[in-house]
Amino acid sequence: MYLQVEVFTSTQEKEFENDKSVLCFVAGIDITMDQFVLGARAGWDLQNNNGDGTSTNPRYKNVWYQATLGFRF
């Protein structure tokens, strides 16, 4: 059993209140042939959603790719 206790300062709490989120787009496909599975995924950031209801272009746009090769039992 694991117990974790976190303590936040008032500055950290204010940052959480005005927290931003990022809108991103994700796409992917899986192909199954008998017992083998091939898959590919990609995602990238589109815009920042600010805590005050406005949105902006992200300064850094994260982009990621994923490939899957699997065997089904």
N, C-alpha and C. Protein backbone atom coordinates (compact mmCIF):
# COMPACT_ATOMS: atom_id res chain seq x y z
N MET A 1 0.83 -1.16 0.00
CA MET A 1 0.00 0.00 0.00
C MET A 1 0.88 1.23 0.00
N TYR A 2 0.51 2.23 -0.77
CA TYR A 2 1.31 3.44 -0.91
C TYR A 2 0.43 4.65 -0.63
N LEU A 3 0.89 5.55 0.19
CA LEU A 3 0.16 6.76 0.53
C LEU A 3 1.03 7.96 0.21
N GLN A 4 0.48 8.88 -0.55
CA GLN A 4 1.22 10.07 -0.91
C GLN A 4 0.45 11.30 -0.43
N VAL A 5 1.13 12.18 0.28
CA VAL A 5 0.51 13.40 0.78
C VAL A 5 1.24 14.56 0.12
N GLU A 6 0.48 15.47 -0.48
CA GLU A 6 1.06 16.63 -1.12
C GLU A 6 0.59 17.90 -0.43
N VAL A 7 1.51 18.80 -0.24
CA VAL A 7 1.20 20.08 0.38
C VAL A 7 1.49 21.16 -0.64
N PHE A 8 0.53 22.06 -0.87
CA PHE A 8 0.68 23.12 -1.85
C PHE A 8 0.80 24.47 -1.14
N THR A 9 1.64 25.34 -1.70
CA THR A 9 1.73 26.70 -1.20
C THR A 9 0.60 27.52 -1.81
N SER A 10 0.37 28.71 -1.27
CA SER A 10 -0.70 29.56 -1.81
C SER A 10 -0.39 29.97 -3.25
N THR A 11 0.90 30.12 -3.59
CA THR A 11 1.28 30.45 -4.97
C THR A 11 0.92 29.31 -5.91
N GLN A 12 1.19 28.08 -5.51
CA GLN A 12 0.85 26.92 -6.33
C GLN A 12 -0.66 26.79 -6.49
N GLU A 13 -1.41 27.06 -5.43
CA GLU A 13 -2.87 26.98 -5.52
C GLU A 13 -3.42 28.00 -6.50
N LYS A 14 -2.87 29.21 -6.53
CA LYS A 14 -3.30 30.22 -7.48
C LYS A 14 -2.99 29.80 -8.92
N GLU A 15 -1.84 29.14 -9.11
CA GLU A 15 -1.49 28.65 -10.45
C GLU A 15 -2.50 27.61 -10.91
N PHE A 16 -2.94 26.73 -10.01
CA PHE A 16 -3.92 25.71 -10.36
C PHE A 16 -5.27 26.34 -10.70
N GLU A 17 -5.64 27.41 -9.99
CA GLU A 17 -6.90 28.08 -10.26
C GLU A 17 -6.92 28.68 -11.66
N ASN A 18 -5.81 29.21 -12.11
CA ASN A 18 -5.70 29.81 -13.44
C ASN A 18 -5.05 28.86 -14.44
N ASP A 19 -5.22 27.58 -14.20
CA ASP A 19 -4.58 26.58 -15.02
C ASP A 19 -5.04 26.65 -16.47
N LYS A 20 -4.11 26.40 -17.37
CA LYS A 20 -4.41 26.35 -18.80
C LYS A 20 -4.52 24.90 -19.23
N SER A 21 -5.27 24.67 -20.24
CA SER A 21 -5.32 23.35 -20.85
C SER A 21 -5.01 23.51 -22.33
N VAL A 22 -4.63 22.44 -22.96
CA VAL A 22 -4.24 22.48 -24.37
C VAL A 22 -5.20 21.59 -25.16
N LEU A 23 -5.74 22.15 -26.23
CA LEU A 23 -6.58 21.38 -27.14
C LEU A 23 -5.66 20.71 -28.15
N CYS A 24 -5.80 19.40 -28.31
CA CYS A 24 -4.97 18.69 -29.27
C CYS A 24 -5.83 17.79 -30.13
N PHE A 25 -5.26 17.33 -31.21
CA PHE A 25 -5.93 16.43 -32.15
C PHE A 25 -5.18 15.11 -32.15
N VAL A 26 -5.91 14.01 -32.08
CA VAL A 26 -5.31 12.68 -32.07
C VAL A 26 -6.00 11.83 -33.12
N ALA A 27 -5.22 11.08 -33.89
CA ALA A 27 -5.77 10.19 -34.91
C ALA A 27 -5.00 8.88 -34.88
N GLY A 28 -5.66 7.80 -35.25
CA GLY A 28 -4.98 6.51 -35.27
C GLY A 28 -5.77 5.47 -36.02
N ILE A 29 -5.08 4.37 -36.32
CA ILE A 29 -5.71 3.26 -37.03
C ILE A 29 -5.07 1.96 -36.57
N ASP A 30 -5.87 0.91 -36.47
CA ASP A 30 -5.39 -0.43 -36.17
C ASP A 30 -5.80 -1.36 -37.30
N ILE A 31 -4.92 -2.25 -37.67
CA ILE A 31 -5.20 -3.27 -38.69
C ILE A 31 -4.96 -4.63 -38.04
N THR A 32 -5.97 -5.51 -38.10
CA THR A 32 -5.85 -6.85 -37.54
C THR A 32 -5.86 -7.87 -38.67
N MET A 33 -4.82 -8.70 -38.71
CA MET A 33 -4.71 -9.76 -39.71
C MET A 33 -4.50 -11.07 -38.96
N ASP A 34 -5.52 -11.92 -38.95
CA ASP A 34 -5.51 -13.16 -38.17
C ASP A 34 -5.18 -12.85 -36.71
N GLN A 35 -3.97 -13.20 -36.25
CA GLN A 35 -3.61 -12.96 -34.86
C GLN A 35 -2.63 -11.80 -34.69
N PHE A 36 -2.28 -11.11 -35.75
CA PHE A 36 -1.34 -10.00 -35.67
C PHE A 36 -2.08 -8.66 -35.73
N VAL A 37 -1.57 -7.70 -34.97
CA VAL A 37 -2.17 -6.37 -34.93
C VAL A 37 -1.09 -5.35 -35.26
N LEU A 38 -1.38 -4.46 -36.21
CA LEU A 38 -0.51 -3.34 -36.54
C LEU A 38 -1.30 -2.06 -36.25
N GLY A 39 -0.65 -1.10 -35.64
CA GLY A 39 -1.34 0.15 -35.32
C GLY A 39 -0.43 1.34 -35.43
N ALA A 40 -1.02 2.49 -35.69
CA ALA A 40 -0.28 3.75 -35.76
C ALA A 40 -1.16 4.85 -35.19
N ARG A 41 -0.55 5.78 -34.45
CA ARG A 41 -1.25 6.90 -33.86
C ARG A 41 -0.37 8.14 -33.97
N ALA A 42 -1.02 9.31 -33.98
CA ALA A 42 -0.31 10.59 -33.97
C ALA A 42 -1.16 11.61 -33.26
N GLY A 43 -0.52 12.58 -32.64
CA GLY A 43 -1.23 13.65 -31.96
C GLY A 43 -0.43 14.93 -32.00
N TRP A 44 -1.12 16.06 -32.00
CA TRP A 44 -0.43 17.35 -31.99
C TRP A 44 -1.32 18.41 -31.36
N ASP A 45 -0.65 19.41 -30.74
CA ASP A 45 -1.34 20.50 -30.07
C ASP A 45 -1.91 21.48 -31.08
N LEU A 46 -3.11 22.02 -30.78
CA LEU A 46 -3.73 23.00 -31.66
C LEU A 46 -3.79 24.38 -31.02
N GLN A 47 -4.25 24.46 -29.75
CA GLN A 47 -4.35 25.77 -29.10
C GLN A 47 -4.35 25.62 -27.59
N ASN A 48 -3.93 26.69 -26.91
CA ASN A 48 -4.01 26.78 -25.45
C ASN A 48 -5.37 27.34 -25.08
N ASN A 49 -6.03 26.73 -24.11
CA ASN A 49 -7.27 27.27 -23.55
C ASN A 49 -6.92 27.88 -22.21
N ASN A 50 -6.94 29.20 -22.14
CA ASN A 50 -6.55 29.91 -20.93
C ASN A 50 -7.65 29.83 -19.89
N GLY A 51 -7.29 30.03 -18.64
CA GLY A 51 -8.25 29.94 -17.54
C GLY A 51 -9.33 31.01 -17.58
N ASP A 52 -9.13 32.09 -18.36
CA ASP A 52 -10.10 33.18 -18.40
C ASP A 52 -11.06 33.10 -19.58
N GLY A 53 -11.07 31.98 -20.29
CA GLY A 53 -12.00 31.79 -21.40
C GLY A 53 -11.45 32.16 -22.75
N THR A 54 -10.21 32.67 -22.82
CA THR A 54 -9.60 32.99 -24.11
C THR A 54 -8.71 31.84 -24.56
N SER A 55 -8.29 31.87 -25.80
CA SER A 55 -7.38 30.84 -26.30
C SER A 55 -6.27 31.50 -27.11
N THR A 56 -5.12 30.84 -27.13
CA THR A 56 -3.95 31.34 -27.86
C THR A 56 -3.26 30.19 -28.57
N ASN A 57 -2.36 30.54 -29.48
CA ASN A 57 -1.51 29.54 -30.13
C ASN A 57 -0.43 29.11 -29.14
N PRO A 58 -0.17 27.80 -28.99
CA PRO A 58 0.89 27.38 -28.07
C PRO A 58 2.26 27.83 -28.57
N ARG A 59 3.11 28.22 -27.64
CA ARG A 59 4.48 28.61 -28.00
C ARG A 59 5.23 27.40 -28.54
N TYR A 60 5.06 26.27 -27.87
CA TYR A 60 5.65 25.01 -28.33
C TYR A 60 4.51 24.05 -28.62
N LYS A 61 4.48 23.49 -29.80
CA LYS A 61 3.44 22.54 -30.15
C LYS A 61 4.02 21.12 -30.07
N ASN A 62 3.50 20.37 -29.11
CA ASN A 62 3.93 18.99 -28.96
C ASN A 62 3.36 18.15 -30.09
N VAL A 63 4.17 17.28 -30.63
CA VAL A 63 3.75 16.33 -31.66
C VAL A 63 4.30 14.98 -31.24
N TRP A 64 3.46 13.94 -31.31
CA TRP A 64 3.93 12.61 -30.96
C TRP A 64 3.41 11.58 -31.94
N TYR A 65 4.16 10.48 -32.04
CA TYR A 65 3.81 9.37 -32.92
C TYR A 65 3.94 8.08 -32.12
N GLN A 66 3.12 7.11 -32.47
CA GLN A 66 3.14 5.81 -31.79
C GLN A 66 2.90 4.72 -32.80
N ALA A 67 3.67 3.66 -32.72
CA ALA A 67 3.47 2.47 -33.56
C ALA A 67 3.26 1.26 -32.67
N THR A 68 2.39 0.36 -33.11
CA THR A 68 2.08 -0.84 -32.33
C THR A 68 2.22 -2.07 -33.21
N LEU A 69 2.87 -3.07 -32.67
CA LEU A 69 2.95 -4.37 -33.31
C LEU A 69 2.58 -5.38 -32.25
N GLY A 70 1.53 -6.16 -32.49
CA GLY A 70 1.05 -7.06 -31.45
C GLY A 70 0.65 -8.43 -31.98
N PHE A 71 0.50 -9.36 -31.05
CA PHE A 71 0.08 -10.71 -31.36
C PHE A 71 -1.07 -11.05 -30.42
N ARG A 72 -2.21 -11.47 -30.98
CA ARG A 72 -3.38 -11.82 -30.17
C ARG A 72 -3.38 -13.31 -29.87
N PHE A 73 -3.73 -13.65 -28.64
CA PHE A 73 -3.82 -15.07 -28.24
C PHE A 73 -5.20 -15.59 -28.47
